[in-house]
Every structure is written in structure tokens, then in C-alpha cells.
């Protein structure tokens, strides 16, 4: 995929989430932005925001949010705690979290993995990621730790007392806050650990998560090019979106036209012809129209989608930008009769919409 096109699609993927603020879009939109950031980072994704989080799940989140995230899921030999078997899916994360003193066990050598994680537990964990240890909170250990937790705004959006169990919604707020928090040694955590950048309002710039390693588009079909054959990682722990909404392998294989993926975060972005603001249509190029003032500059392309009869008028897509115009020009890669998938953005009114090409890929 051409770098200029990649950045055009990247902008389309990130435009909604990157600049959201509570003032402009309301608290719910702000939460959705935070959820997308935390999901893109691979820390957690959820459709049940009210579900309580267990201690073992939180250990996994801490590791995924840390500089040691590549170790998540590593094989473990020997029991980690008396009540955590080596074969547990969280065994490695619990070992990492406890060995780094992000979380503590209990008397008798137990971890109590299935108990709910409290705000007190969570505060210790994220402050540990920021570089703080027990020595930084001498005297009233718990009171001083909770005071620092609040001073760093790690509790923004979380309305629990220190002994209450956190929900997945609380954890989304918590790990988003962590990405903006200052580390003990200086510098923002997200910048230091994930190379994040920030918008002018101080919120996380979503495009800095995806950076230049977004791959695609790749065309899906019902044959050999299904999702598991198109991405270089297991789908078991992948985060998936279809037309900007959380999705899964079955839905994407059934409905999507193209996919992009980000290997580092195991995130998949899929688009179908049913997209509301962004989508993708595959078919055969029926016609390419050129500028009246410049016969070498294409301005629109007509596509007969594969579910249309060739006698129909086809779908019209506007072409802007020199790189995309070149691809559809007499010198470019795509001409009448070629099978392609077009990724588009929709603008205008519902009665008179305009569909603009933001990416294109040939059907191999």
C-alpha cells in the first residue's frame, strides 16, 4: 500500500476519535473515544461495560499496559501462587505483576485471582507502572498512595471508594488516564511506553497508536481470502472493528469487503458497503471520467459492484488527490474492466450523498 494512501485511510479511521472532547460531543462520546484508545492499545475491549473485573484480569491489563507487554501469555512452569496454576491463562501476567510489585498476594501464598479488583489494588498497580514504589509513600502508606493517585488525575471518571470493585468501564477510564499521566521520572506514560502523541487539548492522538504500520487494504471473499488468511497473527486475541463498530471474525467474514490491520496491537479495521460514513465496495470498473479542462486527470470512477447487473448505471465515486488520480489515470494501475475494491468516505446530504475514494486495491 502506497504511504500517501495509507495516511489518507489512517485519517479516515481516526478522524472521529482523535478530536473528541466532552464539550463537543458529550460524556458518552468521550467515553467511546477512551474505549477505542484502550482497545487499540490492546489493553482491554468490552461490550459489557458494567462487568466487574477480577484480580487476575486486572493483572493481565497491567501487563498489556506495560513495557513488558510482549511477555503476556508466555508459558509458565511451576505454580505462581498456591491458588494460581501454571496452566492458567493469567499465570504469566500474575507472575509479572507480582514480581514487579504492581500487585500483592495474601497470607498463605494465595493471590485470590477470581476476587474483584478494588480501587485500592488498581491504584497500587498503575502507580507501580509509573515508577512509584512503597518507599515513595512512607508513613501512611495507603493514604499517601491514594492521594498521589488522585493528584495525578488517575481517578478521573472513576467514582468508587478505595474498597469498591472496579468495572470494565472504570478500567477503561483508568488506563486512558494512565496514558496521560506523568511518570515519576518525568514524561507522559503513553509517550514513553507506547510512543503516543497528544492533541492540542491534551487528549491522546489515536493516529499515533496506528502510526505508519497500518497494513492493507486486503480484499475479503468467501473463498480462500477469509480473515484468518489475511492477517499475520492469531485472531483469538485480536480487536476487531467493522465500519467503526466493535465486531468479530464471523461478522467480518460475512459482511466485510476489505480489511486493514495493525500487527503491533492486533487490531483489525474492516469495511463493508453498508458503512454509514466510511465503507468499501468491490466490483468492476465500468467507466472513468476525466476533467474537462485536463484530459489526463480523472475526477470520478464508476463501479459495477459484484451484486449489480452490468446494465445498471453503477456506483459513482469522486477521485481527489494527485496519488489517487494517478492510479486511475492512463498511466496508473487501474482501468476500465479491472476488478477492484474502493474504500470511500461519504459526505453531503442523505438525499444527495457524495462518495469519495480514499483507497483502492486490485482484486488478485
Protein backbone atom coordinates (compact mmCIF):
# COMPACT_ATOMS: atom_id res chain seq x y z
CA UNK A 1 0.00 0.00 0.00
CA UNK A 2 1.25 3.42 -1.00
CA UNK A 3 2.26 5.57 2.04
CA UNK A 4 0.19 8.55 0.94
CA UNK A 5 -2.88 6.36 0.63
CA UNK A 6 -2.14 4.73 3.96
CA UNK A 7 -2.16 8.09 5.67
CA UNK A 8 -5.40 9.06 3.90
CA UNK A 9 -7.11 5.94 5.21
CA UNK A 10 -5.49 6.43 8.61
CA UNK A 11 -7.02 9.88 8.77
CA UNK A 12 -10.41 8.40 7.88
CA UNK A 13 -10.09 5.74 10.56
CA UNK A 14 -9.05 8.20 13.26
CA UNK A 15 -10.96 11.37 12.45
CA UNK A 16 -13.93 10.67 14.70
CA UNK A 17 -11.98 9.57 17.74
CA UNK A 18 -8.89 11.76 17.64
CA UNK A 19 -10.54 15.08 18.41
CA UNK A 20 -13.48 14.18 20.61
CA UNK A 21 -13.99 16.25 23.75
CA UNK A 22 -16.77 16.31 26.30
CA UNK A 23 -17.71 19.84 25.27
CA UNK A 24 -18.13 18.98 21.62
CA UNK A 25 -19.66 15.55 21.78
CA UNK A 26 -20.77 14.88 25.33
CA UNK A 27 -19.62 12.49 28.01
CA UNK A 28 -20.72 9.35 26.17
CA UNK A 29 -18.72 10.21 23.05
CA UNK A 30 -15.73 11.00 25.23
CA UNK A 31 -16.04 7.57 26.85
CA UNK A 32 -16.25 5.91 23.42
CA UNK A 33 -13.04 7.73 22.44
CA UNK A 34 -11.31 6.46 25.59
CA UNK A 35 -12.59 2.94 24.96
CA UNK A 36 -11.22 2.99 21.42
CA UNK A 37 -7.80 4.17 22.60
CA UNK A 38 -7.55 1.50 25.30
CA UNK A 39 -8.78 -1.11 22.84
CA UNK A 40 -6.32 -0.07 20.13
CA UNK A 41 -3.50 -0.38 22.64
CA UNK A 42 -4.59 -3.96 23.25
CA UNK A 43 -5.23 -3.44 26.98
CA UNK A 44 -8.91 -4.35 27.03
CA UNK A 45 -12.02 -4.32 24.91
CA UNK A 46 -15.54 -4.87 26.12
CA UNK A 47 -19.16 -4.88 25.11
CA UNK A 48 -20.23 -5.20 28.77
CA UNK A 49 -19.00 -2.06 30.46
CA UNK A 50 -20.72 -2.93 33.76
CA UNK A 51 -18.99 -6.28 34.25
CA UNK A 52 -16.80 -6.41 37.36
CA UNK A 53 -13.07 -7.04 36.86
CA UNK A 54 -11.29 -9.83 38.71
CA UNK A 55 -7.79 -9.60 40.13
CA UNK A 56 -6.44 -12.00 37.50
CA UNK A 57 -8.00 -9.97 34.70
CA UNK A 58 -6.53 -6.78 36.11
CA UNK A 59 -3.07 -8.39 36.30
CA UNK A 60 -3.43 -9.09 32.59
CA UNK A 61 -4.39 -5.47 31.90
CA UNK A 62 -1.39 -4.17 33.82
CA UNK A 63 1.00 -6.33 31.81
CA UNK A 64 -0.63 -5.36 28.49
CA UNK A 65 -0.28 -1.70 29.51
CA UNK A 66 3.38 -2.06 30.46
CA UNK A 67 6.73 -2.10 28.70
CA UNK A 68 6.71 -5.86 29.35
CA UNK A 69 3.53 -6.44 27.32
CA UNK A 70 5.28 -8.79 24.88
CA UNK A 71 5.59 -11.29 27.72
CA UNK A 72 1.81 -11.59 28.11
CA UNK A 73 0.71 -15.20 27.69
CA UNK A 74 4.22 -16.64 27.96
CA UNK A 75 4.47 -20.22 29.18
CA UNK A 76 4.89 -20.67 32.94
CA UNK A 77 6.43 -23.61 34.74
CA UNK A 78 5.58 -24.29 38.35
CA UNK A 79 2.81 -22.79 40.43
CA UNK A 80 2.74 -19.00 40.59
CA UNK A 81 0.65 -18.82 43.78
CA UNK A 82 -0.99 -21.62 45.71
CA UNK A 83 -4.31 -20.79 44.03
CA UNK A 84 -2.89 -19.95 40.55
CA UNK A 85 -1.98 -22.97 38.44
CA UNK A 86 0.80 -22.74 35.88
CA UNK A 87 -1.74 -23.60 33.19
CA UNK A 88 -3.98 -20.63 33.96
CA UNK A 89 -4.31 -18.18 31.08
CA UNK A 90 -3.37 -15.43 33.54
CA UNK A 91 -0.47 -17.24 35.20
CA UNK A 92 2.24 -15.33 33.32
CA UNK A 93 0.55 -11.97 33.88
CA UNK A 94 0.07 -12.65 37.60
CA UNK A 95 3.72 -13.63 37.92
CA UNK A 96 4.86 -10.47 36.11
CA UNK A 97 2.52 -8.21 38.11
CA UNK A 98 3.59 -9.71 41.44
CA UNK A 99 7.33 -9.85 40.69
CA UNK A 100 7.23 -6.14 39.77
CA UNK A 101 5.21 -5.41 42.93
CA UNK A 102 2.34 -3.95 40.90
CA UNK A 103 0.04 -6.33 42.76
CA UNK A 104 0.44 -8.24 46.02
CA UNK A 105 -0.61 -11.66 47.21
CA UNK A 106 -2.19 -12.62 50.52
CA UNK A 107 -1.17 -14.59 53.57
CA UNK A 108 -0.87 -18.30 52.88
CA UNK A 109 0.65 -17.76 49.45
CA UNK A 110 -2.64 -17.02 47.71
CA UNK A 111 -3.47 -14.44 45.06
CA UNK A 112 -7.28 -14.74 45.11
CA UNK A 113 -7.42 -14.46 41.31
CA UNK A 114 -11.20 -14.59 40.97
CA UNK A 115 -11.97 -11.93 43.55
CA UNK A 116 -12.87 -8.46 42.31
CA UNK A 117 -10.09 -5.92 41.96
CA UNK A 118 -10.61 -2.90 44.21
CA UNK A 119 -9.71 0.71 43.53
CA UNK A 120 -7.01 0.35 46.19
CA UNK A 121 -5.47 -2.58 44.24
CA UNK A 122 -5.74 -0.67 40.98
CA UNK A 123 -4.09 2.45 42.40
CA UNK A 124 -1.07 0.43 43.54
CA UNK A 125 -0.84 -1.22 40.12
CA UNK A 126 -0.88 1.86 37.92
CA UNK A 127 1.35 3.85 40.28
CA UNK A 128 3.79 0.95 40.02
CA UNK A 129 3.72 1.28 36.22
CA UNK A 130 4.52 4.97 36.66
CA UNK A 131 7.64 4.07 38.64
CA UNK A 132 6.42 4.52 42.22
CA UNK A 133 7.26 2.04 44.99
CA UNK A 134 6.22 1.66 48.63
CA UNK A 135 9.24 3.78 49.64
CA UNK A 136 7.60 6.78 47.94
CA UNK A 137 4.65 6.63 50.34
CA UNK A 138 6.26 6.34 53.76
CA UNK A 139 4.14 6.94 56.84
CA UNK A 140 0.51 6.47 55.91
CA UNK A 141 1.24 4.09 53.01
CA UNK A 142 -2.28 3.63 51.70
CA UNK A 143 -3.44 7.20 52.37
CA UNK A 144 -0.39 8.74 50.69
CA UNK A 145 -0.69 6.36 47.74
CA UNK A 146 -4.35 7.25 47.18
CA UNK A 147 -3.51 10.96 47.48
CA UNK A 148 -0.88 10.64 44.72
CA UNK A 149 -3.31 8.59 42.64
CA UNK A 150 -5.77 11.47 42.79
CA UNK A 151 -3.12 14.18 42.32
CA UNK A 152 -2.10 12.52 39.02
CA UNK A 153 -5.77 12.52 37.90
CA UNK A 154 -5.70 8.76 37.59
CA UNK A 155 -9.16 8.69 39.17
CA UNK A 156 -10.77 10.91 36.53
CA UNK A 157 -14.13 9.40 35.55
CA UNK A 158 -13.99 6.79 38.33
CA UNK A 159 -16.46 7.22 41.17
CA UNK A 160 -15.58 4.46 43.64
CA UNK A 161 -14.27 4.37 47.15
CA UNK A 162 -10.98 2.56 47.64
CA UNK A 163 -12.57 -0.74 48.70
CA UNK A 164 -15.12 -0.96 45.89
CA UNK A 165 -14.64 -3.38 43.00
CA UNK A 166 -13.94 -1.82 39.60
CA UNK A 167 -15.99 -2.45 36.47
CA UNK A 168 -14.63 -2.67 32.96
CA UNK A 169 -15.88 0.87 32.39
CA UNK A 170 -13.81 2.04 35.36
CA UNK A 171 -10.75 0.28 33.92
CA UNK A 172 -11.19 1.99 30.57
CA UNK A 173 -11.09 5.36 32.34
CA UNK A 174 -8.15 4.22 34.47
CA UNK A 175 -5.89 3.04 31.65
CA UNK A 176 -6.75 6.01 29.47
CA UNK A 177 -5.82 8.27 32.39
CA UNK A 178 -2.58 6.31 32.77
CA UNK A 179 -1.61 7.15 29.17
CA UNK A 180 -1.79 10.87 30.01
CA UNK A 181 -0.22 10.68 33.48
CA UNK A 182 3.29 11.90 34.33
CA UNK A 183 5.81 9.22 35.26
CA UNK A 184 7.85 9.54 38.45
CA UNK A 185 10.99 10.08 36.37
CA UNK A 186 9.23 12.60 34.13
CA UNK A 187 7.42 12.44 30.82
CA UNK A 188 3.95 11.20 29.97
CA UNK A 189 3.46 7.47 30.33
CA UNK A 190 1.83 6.93 26.94
CA UNK A 191 4.61 8.79 25.19
CA UNK A 192 7.34 6.86 26.99
CA UNK A 193 5.88 3.38 26.77
CA UNK A 194 3.70 3.45 23.62
CA UNK A 195 5.20 6.38 21.65
CA UNK A 196 1.85 8.17 21.79
CA UNK A 197 1.36 11.80 20.86
CA UNK A 198 -1.34 14.15 22.13
CA UNK A 199 -3.78 16.58 20.59
CA UNK A 200 -3.80 20.28 21.44
CA UNK A 201 -6.46 19.63 24.09
CA UNK A 202 -4.18 17.10 25.80
CA UNK A 203 -6.13 14.02 24.72
CA UNK A 204 -4.45 11.02 23.12
CA UNK A 205 -3.98 11.28 19.37
CA UNK A 206 -5.39 7.98 18.11
CA UNK A 207 -3.40 8.10 14.89
CA UNK A 208 -0.20 7.91 16.93
CA UNK A 209 -1.27 4.42 18.02
CA UNK A 210 -1.60 3.22 14.46
CA UNK A 211 1.36 5.22 13.09
CA UNK A 212 2.74 4.09 9.73
CA UNK A 213 2.36 0.36 10.27
CA UNK A 214 -1.28 0.09 9.26
CA UNK A 215 -1.38 -2.61 6.55
CA UNK A 216 -3.96 -3.02 3.81
CA UNK A 217 -6.41 -2.83 2.32
CA UNK A 218 -6.85 -6.51 1.58
CA UNK A 219 -9.95 -7.86 -0.12
CA UNK A 220 -12.09 -10.45 1.63
CA UNK A 221 -14.12 -13.04 -0.19
CA UNK A 222 -16.00 -16.19 0.69
CA UNK A 223 -13.21 -18.44 -0.56
CA UNK A 224 -9.56 -18.60 0.43
CA UNK A 225 -9.22 -14.92 1.37
CA UNK A 226 -11.12 -15.07 4.65
CA UNK A 227 -9.91 -13.10 7.65
CA UNK A 228 -7.59 -15.67 9.19
CA UNK A 229 -5.69 -15.95 5.89
CA UNK A 230 -5.25 -12.18 5.52
CA UNK A 231 -3.62 -11.20 8.82
CA UNK A 232 -0.26 -12.44 10.20
CA UNK A 233 -1.47 -13.09 13.75
CA UNK A 234 -3.95 -15.25 15.64
CA UNK A 235 -7.49 -13.91 15.79
CA UNK A 236 -8.03 -15.23 19.32
CA UNK A 237 -6.88 -12.01 20.99
CA UNK A 238 -7.44 -9.61 18.10
CA UNK A 239 -9.51 -6.43 18.47
CA UNK A 240 -11.89 -6.06 15.52
CA UNK A 241 -13.99 -3.24 14.12
CA UNK A 242 -16.48 -3.29 11.24
CA UNK A 243 -17.33 0.16 9.88
CA UNK A 244 -16.02 1.67 13.12
CA UNK A 245 -18.05 -0.56 15.48
CA UNK A 246 -16.78 -3.46 17.59
CA UNK A 247 -17.11 -6.71 15.68
CA UNK A 248 -15.90 -10.30 15.47
CA UNK A 249 -14.46 -12.80 12.99
CA UNK A 250 -17.81 -14.25 11.92
CA UNK A 251 -19.42 -10.87 11.22
CA UNK A 252 -16.39 -9.57 9.34
CA UNK A 253 -16.13 -12.72 7.19
CA UNK A 254 -19.86 -12.49 6.42
CA UNK A 255 -20.13 -8.80 5.60
CA UNK A 256 -16.80 -7.02 5.10
CA UNK A 257 -15.32 -6.09 1.75
CA UNK A 258 -11.79 -5.08 2.80
CA UNK A 259 -9.65 -5.17 5.92
CA UNK A 260 -6.73 -3.21 7.31
CA UNK A 261 -4.72 -4.44 10.25
CA UNK A 262 -2.20 -3.18 12.77
CA UNK A 263 0.12 -6.00 13.73
CA UNK A 264 1.59 -4.47 16.91
CA UNK A 265 -1.80 -4.10 18.61
CA UNK A 266 -3.50 -7.00 16.76
CA UNK A 267 -6.23 -4.62 15.64
CA UNK A 268 -8.37 -5.18 12.54
CA UNK A 269 -10.38 -2.50 10.75
CA UNK A 270 -12.91 -3.88 8.28
CA UNK A 271 -15.25 -2.02 5.94
CA UNK A 272 -18.35 -3.09 4.04
CA UNK A 273 -20.67 -1.44 1.54
CA UNK A 274 -23.09 -0.79 4.43
CA UNK A 275 -20.78 1.69 6.17
CA UNK A 276 -22.50 4.86 7.33
CA UNK A 277 -19.65 7.36 6.91
CA UNK A 278 -16.87 5.11 5.64
CA UNK A 279 -17.17 1.88 3.72
CA UNK A 280 -15.89 -0.22 0.86
CA UNK A 281 -17.39 -1.50 -2.38
CA UNK A 282 -15.91 -4.11 -4.69
CA UNK A 283 -16.73 -4.60 -8.34
CA UNK A 284 -15.59 -3.98 -11.90
CA UNK A 285 -14.65 -0.56 -13.22
CA UNK A 286 -17.28 0.43 -15.77
CA UNK A 287 -16.04 3.93 -16.63
CA UNK A 288 -13.52 6.58 -15.65
CA UNK A 289 -14.36 10.25 -16.26
CA UNK A 290 -11.76 12.97 -16.76
CA UNK A 291 -11.61 16.70 -16.08
CA UNK A 292 -12.99 18.86 -18.86
CA UNK A 293 -10.00 21.16 -18.52
CA UNK A 294 -7.38 18.39 -18.24
CA UNK A 295 -7.98 15.17 -20.19
CA UNK A 296 -5.25 13.37 -18.20
CA UNK A 297 -6.79 13.97 -14.75
CA UNK A 298 -9.55 11.53 -13.71
CA UNK A 299 -12.26 13.03 -11.49
CA UNK A 300 -14.62 10.08 -10.97
CA UNK A 301 -14.85 6.34 -11.42
CA UNK A 302 -17.96 4.22 -11.98
CA UNK A 303 -18.01 0.78 -10.41
CA UNK A 304 -20.42 -2.05 -11.11
CA UNK A 305 -20.46 -3.80 -7.77
CA UNK A 306 -20.46 -7.59 -7.91
CA UNK A 307 -24.11 -7.73 -6.87
CA UNK A 308 -25.16 -5.40 -9.69
CA UNK A 309 -26.07 -6.23 -13.26
CA UNK A 310 -23.67 -4.72 -15.78
CA UNK A 311 -26.56 -2.96 -17.45
CA UNK A 312 -27.06 -0.75 -14.42
CA UNK A 313 -25.54 2.70 -14.10
CA UNK A 314 -23.15 1.61 -11.36
CA UNK A 315 -21.84 3.45 -8.30
CA UNK A 316 -20.01 6.75 -8.83
CA UNK A 317 -17.00 7.67 -6.70
CA UNK A 318 -15.24 11.04 -6.77
CA UNK A 319 -11.44 10.99 -7.11
CA UNK A 320 -9.41 13.68 -5.33
CA UNK A 321 -5.69 13.98 -4.68
CA UNK A 322 -2.83 13.50 -7.09
CA UNK A 323 -1.87 10.00 -5.94
CA UNK A 324 -5.33 8.52 -6.36
CA UNK A 325 -5.86 10.43 -9.60
CA UNK A 326 -2.63 8.93 -10.91
CA UNK A 327 -3.77 5.39 -10.06
CA UNK A 328 -6.90 5.81 -12.21
CA UNK A 329 -5.13 7.73 -15.00
CA UNK A 330 -3.93 6.31 -18.30
CA UNK A 331 -0.52 5.87 -16.63
CA UNK A 332 -1.80 4.25 -13.46
CA UNK A 333 -2.69 0.78 -12.24
CA UNK A 334 -6.44 0.67 -12.74
CA UNK A 335 -8.56 0.93 -15.86
CA UNK A 336 -11.97 0.03 -17.28
CA UNK A 337 -12.69 -3.68 -16.85
CA UNK A 338 -10.45 -4.15 -13.80
CA UNK A 339 -11.84 -5.77 -10.65
CA UNK A 340 -11.11 -3.58 -7.63
CA UNK A 341 -12.30 -2.69 -4.16
CA UNK A 342 -12.75 1.00 -3.42
CA UNK A 343 -12.63 2.36 0.13
CA UNK A 344 -14.74 5.50 0.36
CA UNK A 345 -15.91 8.31 2.59
CA UNK A 346 -19.45 9.64 2.43
CA UNK A 347 -20.32 13.33 2.60
CA UNK A 348 -23.21 15.59 1.60
CA UNK A 349 -26.84 15.01 2.48
CA UNK A 350 -28.78 11.76 2.67
CA UNK A 351 -30.75 12.87 -0.39
CA UNK A 352 -27.63 13.81 -2.35
CA UNK A 353 -24.58 11.98 -0.94
CA UNK A 354 -21.09 12.08 -2.38
CA UNK A 355 -18.75 9.09 -2.14
CA UNK A 356 -15.05 9.95 -2.35
CA UNK A 357 -12.27 7.42 -2.93
CA UNK A 358 -9.77 7.23 -0.07
CA UNK A 359 -8.09 3.98 -1.12
CA UNK A 360 -8.23 1.30 -3.79
CA UNK A 361 -6.89 -2.21 -4.18
CA UNK A 362 -6.98 -4.60 -7.13
CA UNK A 363 -8.73 -7.96 -6.88
CA UNK A 364 -5.95 -10.52 -7.24
